[in-house]
Amino acid sequence: GEIEDGDAEPNDRRLLFEEWASYSVFYKYQPIGLIRKYFGEKVGLYFAWLGVYTQMLIPASIIGVIVFLYGCATVDDNIP
């Protein structure tokens, strides 16, 4: 159906557009139930795993940035 139909009741596609596929909602959790309902079980499970995997990578990236900055700060002191 059309997304921009003003007087029609909101369908799943419009809800996904407003709650998931917009730059203004990047800080919110993904609507996994709505994704699963619209796309199916396999795609819903994929995006659920993608969200968990991204959350697991955040601490590793923070540690990596700290180690990189420490290496940049001490590059002159550590002469092989």
Protein backbone atom coordinates (compact mmCIF):
# COMPACT_ATOMS: atom_id res chain seq x y z
CA GLY A 1 0.00 0.00 0.00
CA GLU A 2 0.86 3.63 -0.18
CA ILE A 3 2.81 5.21 2.65
CA GLU A 4 1.65 8.78 2.08
CA ASP A 5 -2.10 8.13 2.07
CA GLY A 6 -3.20 10.68 4.67
CA ASP A 7 -6.66 9.49 5.72
CA ALA A 8 -6.07 5.74 5.64
CA GLU A 9 -5.41 3.73 8.76
CA PRO A 10 -1.70 3.09 9.43
CA ASN A 11 -0.57 -0.21 8.00
CA ASP A 12 2.52 -2.22 8.91
CA ARG A 13 4.57 -0.64 6.14
CA ARG A 14 3.83 2.88 7.36
CA LEU A 15 4.57 1.92 10.96
CA LEU A 16 7.92 0.46 9.92
CA PHE A 17 8.70 3.61 7.97
CA GLU A 18 7.92 5.84 10.95
CA GLU A 19 9.46 3.71 13.72
CA TRP A 20 12.41 2.08 11.98
CA ALA A 21 13.42 3.49 8.58
CA SER A 22 13.89 7.09 9.60
CA TYR A 23 17.05 8.92 10.62
CA SER A 24 15.24 10.60 13.50
CA VAL A 25 14.79 7.29 15.38
CA PHE A 26 18.39 6.01 15.23
CA TYR A 27 18.69 6.00 19.03
CA LYS A 28 15.64 3.77 19.62
CA TYR A 29 15.57 -0.02 19.70
CA GLN A 30 14.45 -1.82 16.57
CA PRO A 31 10.77 -2.84 16.51
CA ILE A 32 11.61 -6.55 16.20
CA GLY A 33 8.01 -7.69 16.56
CA LEU A 34 6.85 -5.44 13.74
CA ILE A 35 9.80 -6.44 11.54
CA ARG A 36 8.99 -10.11 12.15
CA LYS A 37 5.32 -9.55 11.38
CA TYR A 38 6.01 -7.73 8.11
CA PHE A 39 9.06 -9.59 6.74
CA GLY A 40 8.79 -13.01 8.37
CA GLU A 41 10.61 -15.11 10.94
CA LYS A 42 13.99 -15.37 9.24
CA VAL A 43 14.41 -11.66 8.57
CA GLY A 44 13.17 -10.80 12.06
CA LEU A 45 15.68 -13.19 13.60
CA TYR A 46 18.45 -11.70 11.45
CA PHE A 47 17.75 -8.15 12.63
CA ALA A 48 17.42 -9.32 16.24
CA TRP A 49 20.87 -10.97 15.99
CA LEU A 50 22.27 -7.89 14.25
CA GLY A 51 21.14 -5.70 17.15
CA VAL A 52 22.69 -8.03 19.74
CA TYR A 53 25.93 -8.30 17.75
CA THR A 54 26.18 -4.52 17.43
CA GLN A 55 25.71 -4.11 21.18
CA MET A 56 28.43 -6.71 21.82
CA LEU A 57 30.86 -4.79 19.58
CA ILE A 58 30.48 -1.47 21.41
CA PRO A 59 32.73 -2.38 24.41
CA ALA A 60 35.37 -3.84 22.10
CA SER A 61 35.41 -0.69 19.99
CA ILE A 62 35.75 1.52 23.07
CA ILE A 63 38.74 -0.52 24.26
CA GLY A 64 40.23 -0.36 20.76
CA VAL A 65 39.95 3.43 20.65
CA ILE A 66 41.58 3.72 24.09
CA VAL A 67 44.48 1.46 23.04
CA PHE A 68 44.91 3.39 19.79
CA LEU A 69 44.99 6.75 21.59
CA TYR A 70 47.49 5.37 24.12
CA GLY A 71 49.68 4.18 21.25
CA CYS A 72 49.49 7.58 19.57
CA ALA A 73 50.36 9.34 22.83
CA THR A 74 53.38 7.13 23.60
CA VAL A 75 54.77 6.67 20.08
CA ASP A 76 57.77 8.98 20.75
CA ASP A 77 58.70 7.25 24.05
CA ASN A 78 58.66 3.70 22.70
CA ILE A 79 61.67 3.41 20.38
CA PRO A 80 62.47 -0.16 19.32
